[in-house]
Protein backbone atom coordinates (compact mmCIF):
# COMPACT_ATOMS: atom_id res chain seq x y z
CA UNK A 1 -3.43 16.00 -23.63
CA UNK A 2 -1.57 19.24 -24.32
CA UNK A 3 -1.40 21.76 -21.49
CA UNK A 4 -3.33 24.98 -22.16
CA UNK A 5 -1.39 28.10 -21.27
CA UNK A 6 -2.89 31.37 -20.17
CA UNK A 7 -0.46 33.45 -22.26
CA UNK A 8 1.18 32.81 -25.59
CA UNK A 9 4.87 31.88 -25.54
CA UNK A 10 7.37 33.27 -28.02
CA UNK A 11 10.54 31.54 -29.19
CA UNK A 12 13.28 34.10 -28.70
CA UNK A 13 16.93 34.50 -27.79
CA UNK A 14 17.74 37.03 -25.09
CA UNK A 15 20.71 37.17 -22.74
CA UNK A 16 19.80 36.84 -19.09
CA UNK A 17 21.50 36.77 -15.71
CA UNK A 18 20.08 35.48 -12.45
CA UNK A 19 20.99 35.22 -8.78
CA UNK A 20 19.53 34.10 -5.49
CA UNK A 21 19.61 31.34 -2.87
CA UNK A 22 23.21 30.43 -3.61
CA UNK A 23 22.69 30.23 -7.37
CA UNK A 24 24.10 32.79 -9.78
CA UNK A 25 24.84 32.71 -13.45
CA UNK A 26 23.71 33.56 -16.90
CA UNK A 27 21.96 31.98 -19.80
CA UNK A 28 19.86 32.45 -22.87
CA UNK A 29 16.10 32.98 -22.68
CA UNK A 30 14.69 30.59 -25.29
CA UNK A 31 11.02 31.35 -24.83
CA UNK A 32 9.11 34.14 -23.16
CA UNK A 33 5.55 34.93 -22.08
CA UNK A 34 3.92 37.57 -19.92
CA UNK A 35 4.22 35.25 -16.92
CA UNK A 36 7.56 33.51 -17.34
CA UNK A 37 10.36 32.17 -19.48
CA UNK A 38 12.64 29.22 -20.19
CA UNK A 39 16.38 29.67 -19.82
CA UNK A 40 19.11 27.56 -21.39
CA UNK A 41 21.92 27.48 -18.83
CA UNK A 42 24.42 25.02 -17.40
CA UNK A 43 24.11 26.65 -13.96
CA UNK A 44 22.43 24.23 -11.54
CA UNK A 45 19.24 25.51 -9.92
CA UNK A 46 16.58 23.73 -7.88
CA UNK A 47 12.81 23.74 -8.39
CA UNK A 48 10.95 26.20 -6.13
CA UNK A 49 14.07 28.41 -5.82
CA UNK A 50 13.42 32.16 -5.94
CA UNK A 51 15.74 34.12 -8.19
CA UNK A 52 16.23 37.73 -9.24
CA UNK A 53 16.39 37.91 -13.03
CA UNK A 54 17.79 40.46 -15.51
CA UNK A 55 16.76 40.22 -19.18
CA UNK A 56 18.49 42.05 -22.01
CA UNK A 57 15.68 43.26 -24.27
CA UNK A 58 16.61 44.53 -27.75
CA UNK A 59 17.12 48.29 -28.06
CA UNK A 60 16.90 48.86 -24.29
CA UNK A 61 19.69 50.61 -22.39
CA UNK A 62 19.11 48.83 -19.11
CA UNK A 63 17.98 45.26 -18.48
CA UNK A 64 14.44 44.32 -17.55
CA UNK A 65 14.50 43.41 -13.86
CA UNK A 66 12.30 40.70 -12.42
CA UNK A 67 12.57 41.07 -8.65
CA UNK A 68 11.33 37.54 -7.92
CA UNK A 69 11.03 34.61 -10.32
CA UNK A 70 10.41 31.07 -9.11
CA UNK A 71 11.98 28.00 -10.72
CA UNK A 72 9.10 25.81 -11.96
CA UNK A 73 11.08 23.01 -13.57
CA UNK A 74 14.66 22.01 -14.29
CA UNK A 75 16.12 19.78 -16.97
CA UNK A 76 19.29 19.00 -18.84
CA UNK A 77 20.70 22.35 -19.86
CA UNK A 78 17.99 24.64 -18.59
CA UNK A 79 15.05 25.58 -16.40
CA UNK A 80 11.72 27.38 -16.43
CA UNK A 81 10.77 30.43 -14.40
CA UNK A 82 7.46 31.96 -13.39
CA UNK A 83 7.58 35.71 -12.82
CA UNK A 84 6.33 36.38 -9.29
CA UNK A 85 7.14 40.05 -8.66
CA UNK A 86 8.00 42.87 -11.07
CA UNK A 87 7.76 46.58 -10.38
CA UNK A 88 4.92 48.24 -12.33
CA UNK A 89 7.32 49.96 -14.74
CA UNK A 90 9.10 46.66 -15.42
CA UNK A 91 5.75 44.92 -15.96
CA UNK A 92 4.82 47.64 -18.47
CA UNK A 93 8.14 47.25 -20.28
CA UNK A 94 7.62 43.49 -20.54
CA UNK A 95 4.06 43.92 -21.83
CA UNK A 96 5.21 46.44 -24.46
CA UNK A 97 7.91 44.02 -25.66
CA UNK A 98 5.44 41.10 -25.82
CA UNK A 99 2.99 43.32 -27.76
CA UNK A 100 5.71 43.96 -30.34
CA UNK A 101 6.32 40.20 -30.60
CA UNK A 102 2.58 39.57 -31.03
CA UNK A 103 2.30 42.24 -33.74
CA UNK A 104 5.36 40.99 -35.65
CA UNK A 105 3.96 37.47 -35.65
CA UNK A 106 1.08 38.55 -37.88
CA UNK A 107 3.10 40.66 -40.34
């Protein structure tokens, strides 16, 4: 049975960097939702690790900052994050970007 998700996920390619709990590195966001993302990276991370995340959104001067993201799963060449804490302005920036993705999907 396929897992139902609360928010739609979008296939995308965005540069990202992350750090926390002894892990630091970069990768490529391969899918994004309002609550999390998947990152392709060779950097080893462990499930349940909390990381700070920086996402490079198109046409933005500064990266989107996720203060706390928790590793939900790891696999060969990547891992999944759930966004735990974003500042309100960062949350708004993420929601605006997702809204653009939703709108472009139907055009």
